[in-house]
Amino acid sequence: MRRVAFAWITAAALALLLGACSVLPRVVPDMAHDSGAPQLEGARGPLTAARSKEILDGLRAGGKQPDVLERHLALEAAISDSPLVAGNRIALLQDGPSTYQAMFAAIRAARDHINMETYILEDDEVGQRFAAALTAKQRQGVQVNLIRDSVGTLNTPKEFFKKLADDGINMLEFNPVNPLTAKSGWDVNQRDHRKLLIVDGRTAFLGGINVSSVYSGGSFSQGSKDRPGSKLPWRDTDLQIDGPVVAELQKLFIETWEKQQGPPLPKRQYFPKLSRQGDEVVHAIGGSPDEPYSVIYATLISAIDAAGTEVLLTNAYFVPDPQLIASLKGAVARGVDVKIVLPAATDSPLVFHAGRSYYDELLRAGIKLYERQNALLHAKTALIDGVWSTVGSTNLDWRSFLHNQEVNAVVLGKGFGQRMRAAFDDDLAASKQVTLMQWQQRSPVERVKESFGRLWQYWL
């Protein structure tokens, strides 16, 4: 969701032009250290070599290509210092209604604390429901800590947040637009785009869904077709995660709170003893412009470069950089089936047309493009070789990889991959394929929009 005024975009652009511009990392083999066999962690830290081998063997069982998962596991373990964590249970949530239902159930069940981090929190019907639920738990003695992005909540009345604070909720405004109120280094172009809800340090939700009534409808229902005068339903994806990896997500939340010099966090059991909840191996990855490079970006590029059979991407805001384009082209050249589902409609015209300016190049390379119909696509997911899956807040554009705080979960294994494949196939069935012949017949007006959009791609 892009609720950014043109004046703010201009200010951000000027700020960047006057300062040093960030650059994307060049992902090369020596960027990832050689860690040997993948090491897994469980509820009590690193697993024994024997237990790790047992879990990995179980993940590989039944595969037609036993080396595919092993290759992705090794790359995933090597690309960053955060661990691969075993023993998690994951629910794949699609669209707002099912995601909000699960979130409210978890909030009602909270006993110790609730940590919430969001880009957009609107003062509408959904926002009021969240406010009421969080306030009710605060009054019951459950500590609520809330991080909200300053730009993402620019249109939300100050009174909305004042009431939450007056009710005892611990508040943090990430990188305030007003530099006089900033407590840490100020950069108007750096935003907190994460959507993260952690309950009692045991259950976490993450993905692309903000707190807004635009998510009130489902995107696969019979009533979701685009009719004159009607608004498109939003199509998005989230995860509910229970298990030891929640501690890694909790670390990301607390790290942001401390870097932004938020008020002291009340003492709570932020890191309870966690037990095994399922069989999923998960890598929790946080991206931040403060880091030397985007680990999420490096992980994705490495996974695409290692792909052997297929790359399936679904993304809301697609403005690829040269290295991502090269990786996608390289995959096709190796015989990999590359399919990308993108929006047919958007809430951000500049990003939309900037991304479309690359269609011709991608189509000529053999990459298959599809546009999701009858919904406003906001999901950010990927499935590679049926065993490497990711869901999170990260778009495939310069802003997500360079300027935003993002959070993704990578899930390794065939079982969850099958669920991701079913979701991708559902979106594919609701999409129209873009062919090269069709694309070359687009109007001059569309071409001008694409050229203009590309001029802004670094700042969008």
Protein backbone atom coordinates (compact mmCIF):
# COMPACT_ATOMS: atom_id res chain seq x y z
CA MET A 1 0.00 0.00 0.00
CA ARG A 2 1.49 3.33 -1.06
CA ARG A 3 -0.10 6.30 0.69
CA VAL A 4 2.64 8.82 -0.01
CA ALA A 5 2.00 12.38 -1.09
CA PHE A 6 3.91 13.65 -4.12
CA ALA A 7 5.37 16.41 -1.96
CA TRP A 8 6.94 13.80 0.32
CA ILE A 9 8.36 11.91 -2.66
CA THR A 10 9.93 15.14 -3.88
CA ALA A 11 11.40 15.85 -0.44
CA ALA A 12 12.82 12.35 -0.26
CA ALA A 13 14.32 12.68 -3.72
CA LEU A 14 15.98 15.97 -2.86
CA ALA A 15 17.31 14.51 0.39
CA LEU A 16 18.90 11.68 -1.52
CA LEU A 17 20.26 13.86 -4.27
CA LEU A 18 21.94 16.06 -1.68
CA GLY A 19 23.41 13.06 0.13
CA ALA A 20 25.11 9.80 -0.77
CA CYS A 21 22.95 7.34 -2.66
CA SER A 22 22.72 3.77 -1.45
CA VAL A 23 23.51 0.98 -3.84
CA LEU A 24 22.37 -2.59 -4.08
CA PRO A 25 24.93 -5.28 -3.20
CA ARG A 26 26.56 -7.35 -5.86
CA VAL A 27 25.78 -10.90 -4.85
CA VAL A 28 28.82 -13.06 -5.55
CA PRO A 29 29.88 -16.41 -4.09
CA ASP A 30 32.38 -14.90 -1.64
CA MET A 31 29.64 -12.77 -0.12
CA ALA A 32 28.38 -15.86 1.71
CA HIS A 33 30.77 -17.50 4.12
CA ASP A 34 31.29 -21.25 3.89
CA SER A 35 29.51 -22.72 6.90
CA GLY A 36 29.73 -26.39 5.88
CA ALA A 37 26.62 -28.48 6.46
CA PRO A 38 23.51 -26.43 7.36
CA GLN A 39 23.18 -26.07 11.14
CA LEU A 40 19.67 -25.98 12.55
CA GLU A 41 18.48 -24.51 15.81
CA GLY A 42 15.59 -25.63 17.95
CA ALA A 43 13.83 -24.37 21.04
CA ARG A 44 17.02 -24.62 23.12
CA GLY A 45 19.65 -23.43 20.68
CA PRO A 46 21.77 -25.28 18.10
CA LEU A 47 20.73 -28.88 17.51
CA THR A 48 23.20 -31.71 17.60
CA ALA A 49 24.74 -32.78 14.30
CA ALA A 50 22.77 -36.04 14.49
CA ARG A 51 19.44 -34.28 15.10
CA SER A 52 20.13 -31.73 12.35
CA LYS A 53 20.90 -34.54 9.93
CA GLU A 54 17.71 -36.35 10.94
CA ILE A 55 15.58 -33.27 10.25
CA LEU A 56 17.31 -32.49 6.95
CA ASP A 57 16.97 -36.10 5.80
CA GLY A 58 13.27 -35.92 6.60
CA LEU A 59 12.89 -32.74 4.56
CA ARG A 60 14.65 -34.33 1.59
CA ALA A 61 12.65 -37.56 1.71
CA GLY A 62 10.53 -38.31 -1.32
CA GLY A 63 12.05 -35.67 -3.55
CA LYS A 64 12.56 -36.37 -7.25
CA GLN A 65 15.77 -34.33 -7.10
CA PRO A 66 17.34 -34.96 -3.68
CA ASP A 67 20.04 -32.34 -4.28
CA VAL A 68 17.63 -29.43 -4.83
CA LEU A 69 16.62 -28.89 -1.21
CA GLU A 70 20.15 -29.56 -0.01
CA ARG A 71 21.47 -26.83 -2.30
CA HIS A 72 18.90 -24.31 -1.07
CA LEU A 73 19.47 -25.26 2.57
CA ALA A 74 23.21 -24.73 2.21
CA LEU A 75 22.78 -21.34 0.52
CA GLU A 76 20.21 -20.19 3.06
CA ALA A 77 22.46 -21.16 5.97
CA ALA A 78 25.44 -19.35 4.44
CA ILE A 79 23.92 -16.05 3.37
CA SER A 80 23.44 -14.52 6.84
CA ASP A 81 24.28 -14.99 10.49
CA SER A 82 20.68 -15.52 11.60
CA PRO A 83 19.90 -19.22 12.14
CA LEU A 84 17.67 -21.71 10.37
CA VAL A 85 15.22 -22.72 13.09
CA ALA A 86 13.39 -26.07 13.17
CA GLY A 87 10.20 -27.09 14.95
CA ASN A 88 7.72 -24.44 13.78
CA ARG A 89 4.06 -24.56 12.79
CA ILE A 90 2.92 -22.23 10.00
CA ALA A 91 -0.52 -21.18 8.81
CA LEU A 92 -0.71 -19.62 5.34
CA LEU A 93 -3.23 -16.76 5.54
CA GLN A 94 -4.70 -15.14 2.45
CA ASP A 95 -6.47 -11.78 2.40
CA GLY A 96 -7.62 -9.55 5.23
CA PRO A 97 -10.63 -11.34 6.73
CA SER A 98 -8.85 -14.62 7.54
CA THR A 99 -5.70 -12.83 8.68
CA TYR A 100 -7.52 -10.39 10.95
CA GLN A 101 -9.60 -13.23 12.41
CA ALA A 102 -6.42 -15.11 13.37
CA MET A 103 -4.78 -11.95 14.71
CA PHE A 104 -7.75 -11.03 16.91
CA ALA A 105 -7.89 -14.57 18.28
CA ALA A 106 -4.22 -14.37 19.24
CA ILE A 107 -4.67 -10.90 20.79
CA ARG A 108 -7.63 -12.11 22.88
CA ALA A 109 -5.51 -15.02 24.11
CA ALA A 110 -2.53 -12.80 25.10
CA ARG A 111 -1.42 -13.13 28.72
CA ASP A 112 1.90 -11.25 28.98
CA HIS A 113 2.58 -8.81 26.14
CA ILE A 114 1.76 -7.81 22.56
CA ASN A 115 4.39 -6.26 20.27
CA MET A 116 3.05 -4.75 17.05
CA GLU A 117 4.95 -3.07 14.22
CA THR A 118 3.11 -1.71 11.19
CA TYR A 119 3.53 0.65 8.28
CA ILE A 120 -0.12 1.74 8.02
CA LEU A 121 -2.63 1.92 10.85
CA GLU A 122 -5.75 3.74 9.75
CA ASP A 123 -8.49 5.30 11.83
CA ASP A 124 -11.25 3.33 10.11
CA GLU A 125 -13.46 0.38 11.05
CA VAL A 126 -10.56 -2.10 11.07
CA GLY A 127 -8.20 0.31 12.82
CA GLN A 128 -10.80 0.97 15.49
CA ARG A 129 -11.24 -2.78 16.04
CA PHE A 130 -7.51 -3.17 16.56
CA ALA A 131 -7.43 -0.15 18.87
CA ALA A 132 -10.26 -1.58 20.94
CA ALA A 133 -8.68 -5.05 21.12
CA LEU A 134 -5.25 -3.72 22.09
CA THR A 135 -6.67 -1.29 24.64
CA ALA A 136 -8.76 -4.06 26.23
CA LYS A 137 -5.65 -6.20 26.73
CA GLN A 138 -3.65 -3.25 28.10
CA ARG A 139 -6.36 -2.68 30.69
CA GLN A 140 -6.15 -6.36 31.63
CA GLY A 141 -2.46 -5.95 32.43
CA VAL A 142 -1.06 -7.23 29.13
CA GLN A 143 1.66 -4.82 27.99
CA VAL A 144 1.14 -3.51 24.44
CA ASN A 145 4.12 -1.98 22.61
CA LEU A 146 3.36 -0.41 19.23
CA ILE A 147 5.71 0.80 16.47
CA ARG A 148 4.08 2.74 13.64
CA ASP A 149 5.80 4.35 10.67
CA SER A 150 5.53 8.13 10.53
CA VAL A 151 4.90 8.40 6.77
CA GLY A 152 2.66 5.33 6.63
CA THR A 153 0.41 6.79 9.34
CA LEU A 154 0.62 10.38 8.09
CA ASN A 155 -3.12 10.45 7.31
CA THR A 156 -4.16 8.95 10.65
CA PRO A 157 -5.31 11.64 13.11
CA LYS A 158 -2.94 12.33 16.00
CA GLU A 159 -5.91 11.94 18.34
CA PHE A 160 -6.12 8.25 17.38
CA PHE A 161 -2.61 7.57 18.71
CA LYS A 162 -2.99 9.94 21.66
CA LYS A 163 -5.95 7.90 22.90
CA LEU A 164 -3.93 4.69 22.64
CA ALA A 165 -1.09 6.28 24.59
CA ASP A 166 -3.50 7.66 27.21
CA ASP A 167 -4.81 4.11 27.66
CA GLY A 168 -1.31 2.94 28.56
CA ILE A 169 -0.07 1.54 25.25
CA ASN A 170 3.67 2.10 24.77
CA MET A 171 4.08 4.02 21.50
CA LEU A 172 6.96 4.60 19.10
CA GLU A 173 6.78 6.68 15.91
CA PHE A 174 9.44 5.38 13.52
CA ASN A 175 11.62 8.10 11.97
CA PRO A 176 9.20 11.01 12.48
CA VAL A 177 8.60 13.22 9.47
CA ASN A 178 9.27 16.19 11.74
CA PRO A 179 13.04 16.03 12.40
CA LEU A 180 12.59 18.00 15.64
CA THR A 181 10.82 15.01 17.20
CA ALA A 182 13.31 12.37 15.98
CA LYS A 183 15.37 10.73 18.71
CA SER A 184 17.84 8.88 16.48
CA GLY A 185 19.47 9.67 13.11
CA TRP A 186 16.89 11.30 10.84
CA ASP A 187 16.43 10.37 7.19
CA VAL A 188 12.99 11.07 5.72
CA ASN A 189 13.54 8.43 3.04
CA GLN A 190 14.05 5.55 5.49
CA ARG A 191 10.75 3.95 6.42
CA ASP A 192 9.56 1.02 8.53
CA HIS A 193 7.59 -1.10 6.08
CA ARG A 194 7.39 -4.16 8.33
CA LYS A 195 4.08 -5.70 9.34
CA LEU A 196 4.77 -7.75 12.44
CA LEU A 197 2.58 -8.85 15.34
CA ILE A 198 4.09 -10.89 18.18
CA VAL A 199 1.95 -12.24 21.01
CA ASP A 200 3.54 -13.43 24.27
CA GLY A 201 6.79 -14.14 22.40
CA ARG A 202 5.21 -17.39 21.15
CA THR A 203 3.07 -16.51 18.14
CA ALA A 204 3.98 -14.16 15.29
CA PHE A 205 2.22 -12.79 12.23
CA LEU A 206 4.06 -11.26 9.27
CA GLY A 207 3.45 -10.51 5.63
CA GLY A 208 2.05 -7.70 3.53
CA ILE A 209 -1.17 -6.85 5.34
CA ASN A 210 -1.51 -3.41 6.93
CA VAL A 211 -4.26 -2.33 9.32
CA SER A 212 -6.87 -0.87 6.99
CA SER A 213 -10.45 -1.43 5.87
CA VAL A 214 -9.26 -1.92 2.29
CA TYR A 215 -8.71 -5.54 3.40
CA SER A 216 -12.31 -6.07 4.49
CA GLY A 217 -13.20 -8.25 1.49
CA GLY A 218 -11.75 -11.46 0.10
CA SER A 219 -10.18 -11.50 -3.36
CA PHE A 220 -11.40 -14.93 -4.51
CA SER A 221 -15.12 -14.46 -3.83
CA GLN A 222 -17.79 -14.29 -6.52
CA GLY A 223 -18.45 -10.66 -5.63
CA SER A 224 -14.91 -9.48 -6.20
CA LYS A 225 -15.17 -8.69 -9.88
CA ASP A 226 -14.32 -5.21 -11.03
CA ARG A 227 -17.62 -3.39 -11.62
CA PRO A 228 -18.11 0.29 -12.42
CA GLY A 229 -18.29 2.27 -9.20
CA SER A 230 -16.96 -0.57 -7.05
CA LYS A 231 -13.60 -0.87 -5.34
CA LEU A 232 -11.34 -3.82 -5.99
CA PRO A 233 -10.70 -6.16 -3.06
CA TRP A 234 -7.11 -6.36 -1.88
CA ARG A 235 -5.24 -9.63 -2.44
CA ASP A 236 -2.51 -10.22 0.15
CA THR A 237 -0.68 -12.96 2.04
CA ASP A 238 0.45 -13.35 5.65
CA LEU A 239 1.87 -16.10 7.85
CA GLN A 240 1.01 -17.12 11.38
CA ILE A 241 4.07 -18.74 12.95
CA ASP A 242 4.21 -20.65 16.23
CA GLY A 243 7.49 -22.08 17.48
CA PRO A 244 11.12 -21.33 18.28
CA VAL A 245 11.72 -18.97 15.32
CA VAL A 246 9.39 -16.43 16.95
CA ALA A 247 12.31 -15.49 19.20
CA GLU A 248 14.25 -14.31 16.11
CA LEU A 249 11.33 -12.08 15.10
CA GLN A 250 11.10 -10.75 18.63
CA LYS A 251 14.78 -9.75 18.44
CA LEU A 252 14.03 -7.73 15.29
CA PHE A 253 11.19 -5.86 17.00
CA ILE A 254 13.23 -5.02 20.09
CA GLU A 255 16.24 -4.01 17.98
CA THR A 256 14.10 -1.49 16.08
CA TRP A 257 12.63 -0.15 19.33
CA GLU A 258 16.08 0.39 20.82
CA LYS A 259 17.64 1.90 17.67
CA GLN A 260 14.79 4.40 17.49
CA GLN A 261 15.29 5.23 21.17
CA GLY A 262 11.74 4.43 22.12
CA PRO A 263 10.58 4.72 25.74
CA PRO A 264 11.82 1.89 27.98
CA LEU A 265 10.10 -1.40 27.33
CA PRO A 266 8.34 -2.57 30.51
CA LYS A 267 9.76 -5.80 31.88
CA ARG A 268 7.92 -8.78 30.46
CA GLN A 269 8.70 -12.31 29.35
CA TYR A 270 9.72 -11.29 25.84
CA PHE A 271 11.74 -14.47 25.39
CA PRO A 272 9.83 -17.34 27.03
CA LYS A 273 10.99 -20.93 26.75
CA LEU A 274 9.66 -22.15 23.42
CA SER A 275 8.81 -25.72 22.57
CA ARG A 276 8.52 -27.50 19.25
CA GLN A 277 5.19 -26.72 17.57
CA GLY A 278 5.56 -28.30 14.14
CA ASP A 279 7.96 -29.53 11.48
CA GLU A 280 8.79 -26.41 9.50
CA VAL A 281 12.33 -25.06 9.14
CA VAL A 282 12.19 -21.25 9.03
CA HIS A 283 14.70 -18.47 8.46
CA ALA A 284 13.52 -15.11 9.83
CA ILE A 285 15.18 -12.25 7.95
CA GLY A 286 15.03 -8.57 8.74
CA GLY A 287 16.12 -5.97 6.21
CA SER A 288 17.26 -2.51 7.29
CA PRO A 289 18.92 0.43 5.49
CA ASP A 290 21.32 0.59 8.45
CA GLU A 291 22.89 -2.72 7.40
CA PRO A 292 25.78 -2.92 4.87
CA TYR A 293 23.46 -4.66 2.42
CA SER A 294 19.96 -6.12 2.27
CA VAL A 295 20.12 -9.73 3.44
CA ILE A 296 16.62 -10.28 2.03
CA TYR A 297 17.82 -9.13 -1.39
CA ALA A 298 20.97 -11.27 -1.24
CA THR A 299 18.95 -14.29 -0.15
CA LEU A 300 16.45 -13.92 -2.99
CA ILE A 301 19.13 -13.42 -5.65
CA SER A 302 21.05 -16.45 -4.36
CA ALA A 303 17.93 -18.62 -4.39
CA ILE A 304 17.05 -17.59 -7.97
CA ASP A 305 20.62 -18.21 -9.10
CA ALA A 306 20.44 -21.70 -7.55
CA ALA A 307 17.05 -22.53 -9.08
CA GLY A 308 16.92 -25.76 -11.06
CA THR A 309 13.29 -26.12 -12.17
CA GLU A 310 11.04 -23.13 -11.50
CA VAL A 311 10.84 -19.62 -10.05
CA LEU A 312 7.34 -18.43 -9.14
CA LEU A 313 7.08 -14.81 -7.98
CA THR A 314 4.03 -12.84 -6.87
CA ASN A 315 4.61 -9.19 -6.08
CA ALA A 316 2.71 -5.95 -5.73
CA TYR A 317 5.38 -3.40 -6.62
CA PHE A 318 7.84 -4.71 -9.19
CA VAL A 319 10.65 -2.39 -10.29
CA PRO A 320 13.60 -4.76 -10.86
CA ASP A 321 17.23 -3.68 -10.67
CA PRO A 322 19.80 -4.93 -13.24
CA GLN A 323 21.03 -7.79 -11.06
CA LEU A 324 17.54 -9.18 -10.42
CA ILE A 325 16.82 -8.98 -14.15
CA ALA A 326 20.09 -10.78 -14.89
CA SER A 327 19.26 -13.52 -12.37
CA LEU A 328 15.82 -14.04 -13.86
CA LYS A 329 17.23 -14.14 -17.40
CA GLY A 330 19.98 -16.50 -16.29
CA ALA A 331 17.43 -18.86 -14.78
CA VAL A 332 15.47 -19.01 -18.04
CA ALA A 333 18.70 -19.63 -19.96
CA ARG A 334 19.30 -22.69 -17.72
CA GLY A 335 15.88 -24.06 -18.61
CA VAL A 336 14.12 -22.84 -15.46
CA ASP A 337 10.43 -21.95 -15.80
CA VAL A 338 10.08 -18.35 -14.54
CA LYS A 339 6.59 -17.01 -13.92
CA ILE A 340 5.73 -13.68 -12.31
CA VAL A 341 2.22 -12.61 -11.22
CA LEU A 342 1.89 -8.82 -11.02
CA PRO A 343 -0.99 -6.37 -10.51
CA ALA A 344 -3.38 -5.39 -13.29
CA ALA A 345 -4.44 -2.39 -11.18
CA THR A 346 -2.57 -0.39 -8.57
CA ASP A 347 -2.70 2.24 -5.84
CA SER A 348 0.70 3.57 -6.95
CA PRO A 349 0.73 4.60 -10.64
CA LEU A 350 4.39 5.66 -10.74
CA VAL A 351 5.59 2.28 -9.44
CA PHE A 352 3.10 0.46 -11.67
CA HIS A 353 4.33 2.09 -14.87
CA ALA A 354 8.01 1.99 -13.86
CA GLY A 355 7.69 -1.77 -13.49
CA ARG A 356 5.86 -2.15 -16.77
CA SER A 357 8.72 -0.40 -18.55
CA TYR A 358 10.69 -3.66 -18.10
CA TYR A 359 8.04 -5.95 -19.59
CA ASP A 360 9.48 -5.90 -23.09
CA GLU A 361 12.96 -6.92 -21.94
CA LEU A 362 11.63 -9.65 -19.66
CA LEU A 363 9.23 -11.10 -22.21
CA ARG A 364 11.93 -11.21 -24.88
CA ALA A 365 14.08 -13.23 -22.46
CA GLY A 366 11.36 -15.87 -22.06
CA ILE A 367 10.08 -14.79 -18.64
CA LYS A 368 6.32 -15.36 -18.36
CA LEU A 369 4.32 -12.42 -17.01
CA TYR A 370 0.77 -12.48 -15.72
CA GLU A 371 -1.47 -9.73 -14.34
CA ARG A 372 -3.87 -10.52 -11.52
CA GLN A 373 -7.46 -9.57 -12.39
CA ASN A 374 -10.44 -8.55 -10.21
CA ALA A 375 -8.27 -7.65 -7.21
CA LEU A 376 -5.59 -5.19 -6.17
CA LEU A 377 -2.57 -7.43 -5.71
CA HIS A 378 -0.51 -6.57 -2.62
CA ALA A 379 1.14 -9.94 -1.84
CA LYS A 380 4.92 -10.41 -1.73
CA THR A 381 5.73 -14.11 -2.10
CA ALA A 382 8.11 -16.44 -3.91
CA LEU A 383 8.41 -20.19 -4.45
CA ILE A 384 11.57 -21.68 -5.96
CA ASP A 385 11.99 -25.33 -6.96
CA GLY A 386 9.02 -26.24 -4.77
CA VAL A 387 11.20 -26.18 -1.63
CA TRP A 388 12.25 -22.54 -1.02
CA SER A 389 9.34 -20.28 -0.06
CA THR A 390 9.18 -16.75 1.26
CA VAL A 391 6.39 -14.48 2.48
CA GLY A 392 6.93 -11.01 3.88
CA SER A 393 6.67 -7.27 3.48
CA THR A 394 9.38 -6.92 0.83
CA ASN A 395 8.50 -5.70 -2.64
CA LEU A 396 10.74 -6.32 -5.64
CA ASP A 397 11.77 -2.70 -5.98
CA TRP A 398 14.58 -0.35 -5.03
CA ARG A 399 12.70 1.12 -2.07
CA SER A 400 12.28 -2.21 -0.27
CA PHE A 401 15.88 -3.27 -0.80
CA LEU A 402 17.56 0.09 -0.08
CA HIS A 403 15.39 2.41 1.98
CA ASN A 404 12.90 0.35 4.01
CA GLN A 405 12.94 -1.82 7.07
CA GLU A 406 11.38 -5.10 5.91
CA VAL A 407 10.80 -8.57 7.35
CA ASN A 408 10.43 -11.90 5.54
CA ALA A 409 10.24 -15.53 6.56
CA VAL A 410 11.90 -18.15 4.35
CA VAL A 411 10.43 -21.63 4.78
CA LEU A 412 12.43 -24.61 3.53
CA GLY A 413 10.73 -27.86 2.64
CA LYS A 414 8.35 -29.53 0.22
CA GLY A 415 5.31 -29.63 2.50
CA PHE A 416 4.89 -25.89 2.85
CA GLY A 417 6.03 -25.51 -0.76
CA GLN A 418 2.96 -27.44 -1.86
CA ARG A 419 0.69 -24.99 -0.02
CA MET A 420 2.51 -22.09 -1.63
CA ARG A 421 2.16 -23.72 -5.04
CA ALA A 422 -1.61 -24.09 -4.56
CA ALA A 423 -1.89 -20.38 -3.65
CA PHE A 424 0.20 -19.38 -6.67
CA ASP A 425 -1.94 -21.55 -8.98
CA ASP A 426 -5.09 -19.87 -7.63
CA ASP A 427 -3.66 -16.45 -8.47
CA LEU A 428 -2.49 -17.69 -11.85
CA ALA A 429 -6.01 -18.90 -12.65
CA ALA A 430 -7.31 -15.40 -11.85
CA SER A 431 -4.68 -13.71 -14.04
CA LYS A 432 -4.21 -12.86 -17.70
CA GLN A 433 -0.93 -13.66 -19.40
CA VAL A 434 0.92 -10.77 -21.02
CA THR A 435 2.38 -11.79 -24.39
CA LEU A 436 5.16 -10.01 -26.24
CA MET A 437 2.97 -9.43 -29.30
CA GLN A 438 0.22 -7.92 -27.18
CA TRP A 439 2.65 -5.79 -25.22
CA GLN A 440 4.26 -4.32 -28.31
CA GLN A 441 0.85 -3.01 -29.38
CA ARG A 442 0.35 -0.83 -26.30
CA SER A 443 -0.42 2.85 -26.86
CA PRO A 444 2.11 5.71 -27.03
CA VAL A 445 0.47 7.16 -23.91
CA GLU A 446 1.33 4.03 -21.94
CA ARG A 447 4.92 4.16 -23.18
CA VAL A 448 5.27 7.77 -22.00
CA LYS A 449 3.93 6.81 -18.55
CA GLU A 450 6.48 3.98 -18.38
CA SER A 451 9.37 6.26 -19.27
CA PHE A 452 8.31 8.83 -16.68
CA GLY A 453 7.88 6.16 -14.01
CA ARG A 454 11.35 4.74 -14.67
CA LEU A 455 12.92 8.15 -14.03
CA TRP A 456 11.74 7.85 -10.42
CA GLN A 457 12.45 4.16 -9.83
CA TYR A 458 15.21 4.66 -7.24
CA TRP A 459 12.97 6.76 -4.97
CA LEU A 460 9.59 5.07 -5.42
